[in-house]
Amino acid sequence: MRDLLELKPEIVAANIRKVREFRNYTQDYLAAKLSISQNAYSKIELGYSKLTVERLFHIASVLDVKVTELIAVDHSRGVHLEH
């Protein structure tokens, strides 16, 4: 629970970018799946845009990862990517 209290938007944004790049998805692809512009999506990855819980779950679904992996602060519990 303590990790959630220390949640930092820049870590979530970096985790999202890391998974997107691992999956070889473009920002345009994710933006289209989320029904937003590429510019709006870019702001998410840069941490300039606040994420709603709904949007975070949608991103996790598109990236095929658990939300907990995207918000992980503890690197031992961070994003675990498999092909």
Protein backbone atom coordinates (compact mmCIF):
# COMPACT_ATOMS: atom_id res chain seq x y z
CA MET A 1 0.00 0.00 0.00
CA ARG A 2 2.86 2.34 0.72
CA ASP A 3 3.98 2.19 -2.93
CA LEU A 4 0.61 3.57 -4.02
CA LEU A 5 1.06 6.50 -1.68
CA GLU A 6 4.40 7.24 -3.33
CA LEU A 7 3.06 6.91 -6.88
CA LYS A 8 4.79 9.30 -9.24
CA PRO A 9 3.26 10.22 -12.60
CA GLU A 10 6.65 10.22 -14.31
CA ILE A 11 7.19 6.57 -13.33
CA VAL A 12 3.79 5.57 -14.71
CA ALA A 13 4.52 7.50 -17.92
CA ALA A 14 7.94 5.85 -18.27
CA ASN A 15 6.43 2.40 -17.71
CA ILE A 16 3.79 3.04 -20.36
CA ARG A 17 6.44 4.16 -22.85
CA LYS A 18 8.65 1.17 -22.02
CA VAL A 19 5.85 -1.32 -22.71
CA ARG A 20 4.72 0.51 -25.86
CA GLU A 21 8.23 0.41 -27.28
CA PHE A 22 8.68 -3.25 -26.28
CA ARG A 23 5.49 -4.12 -28.16
CA ASN A 24 6.75 -2.09 -31.16
CA TYR A 25 3.62 0.05 -31.05
CA THR A 26 3.75 3.63 -32.25
CA GLN A 27 2.25 6.55 -30.40
CA ASP A 28 -0.17 6.89 -33.32
CA TYR A 29 -1.33 3.29 -32.80
CA LEU A 30 -1.96 3.79 -29.07
CA ALA A 31 -3.64 7.13 -29.69
CA ALA A 32 -6.01 5.53 -32.21
CA LYS A 33 -6.86 2.71 -29.78
CA LEU A 34 -7.58 5.29 -27.08
CA SER A 35 -9.55 7.54 -29.46
CA ILE A 36 -7.28 10.52 -28.79
CA SER A 37 -4.79 12.47 -30.90
CA GLN A 38 -1.14 11.48 -31.11
CA ASN A 39 -0.31 14.81 -29.46
CA ALA A 40 -2.60 14.02 -26.52
CA TYR A 41 -1.05 10.57 -26.20
CA SER A 42 2.46 12.05 -26.30
CA LYS A 43 1.53 14.25 -23.35
CA ILE A 44 0.57 11.13 -21.40
CA GLU A 45 4.00 9.57 -21.98
CA LEU A 46 5.73 12.83 -21.12
CA GLY A 47 3.76 13.07 -17.88
CA TYR A 48 2.15 16.38 -18.92
CA SER A 49 -1.37 14.96 -18.89
CA LYS A 50 -3.09 13.51 -15.83
CA LEU A 51 -4.39 9.99 -16.28
CA THR A 52 -7.83 8.95 -15.17
CA VAL A 53 -8.24 5.49 -13.70
CA GLU A 54 -10.40 4.59 -16.69
CA ARG A 55 -7.73 5.71 -19.18
CA LEU A 56 -5.01 3.86 -17.24
CA PHE A 57 -7.03 0.64 -17.42
CA HIS A 58 -7.65 1.20 -21.14
CA ILE A 59 -3.91 1.71 -21.79
CA ALA A 60 -3.09 -1.42 -19.79
CA SER A 61 -5.63 -3.38 -21.82
CA VAL A 62 -4.23 -2.19 -25.16
CA LEU A 63 -0.68 -2.95 -23.99
CA ASP A 64 -1.77 -6.33 -22.58
CA VAL A 65 -0.31 -5.74 -19.11
CA LYS A 66 -1.77 -5.41 -15.63
CA VAL A 67 -2.38 -1.91 -14.32
CA THR A 68 -0.26 -2.79 -11.30
CA GLU A 69 2.71 -3.27 -13.62
CA LEU A 70 2.27 0.22 -15.05
CA ILE A 71 2.07 1.89 -11.65
CA ALA A 72 4.84 -0.15 -10.01
CA VAL A 73 7.38 1.99 -8.20
CA ASP A 74 9.36 -0.97 -6.87
CA HIS A 75 11.51 -2.18 -9.78
CA SER A 76 11.33 -5.77 -8.55
CA ARG A 77 7.56 -5.57 -9.16
CA GLY A 78 7.78 -3.43 -12.27
CA VAL A 79 6.89 -4.22 -15.82
CA HIS A 80 7.54 -7.85 -16.73
CA LEU A 81 7.37 -8.20 -20.46
CA GLU A 82 6.96 -11.46 -22.32
CA HIS A 83 6.64 -12.14 -26.02
